[in-house]
């Protein structure tokens, strides 16, 4: 929602699946570590405020501040795989396997900077660099993610 030519407020739902590598320390023997690799899944709901710095022309640069909530699934197993079966009236007996994984959630906040080009009153393109931090309750630090984002906007 644009409150003026320079200030807007909005909301975002984001999903990403970045790769990671980590060293896990045994809870019973601090000298024993396990190196793991994988990909995690993040889902975020964020509110943001964006300030546009230029007054005129189709090109504008902006800065944005964001706050919200992140849910993360590390895809790291927390227990052995399980198999279960159920009856389906159309397909008969269906058996599947699953494995519970470590999930966590926390407060997120971030910054972004970029540029926007308005091709017309209804179409624009943005390119930005974004950085986000998430406060997980049991983390020893504040994990962060960054990246570039290219957005095609349809305005109505």
Foldseek 3Di string as FASTA:
>chain_A
DDPDPFKDKDKDKDKDKDKDWDWAADPVDRVDIDIDIDIKMKIWIKIKMKGWDDDDDQKTKIKMKIKTKMKMWPPAFPDDKDKDWDQDPVPGIDIDIDTDTDMFMFIKIWMKIWMKGDPDPFKIKIKMKIKMWGDTPPDPDIDMDIDIDIDIGGHD
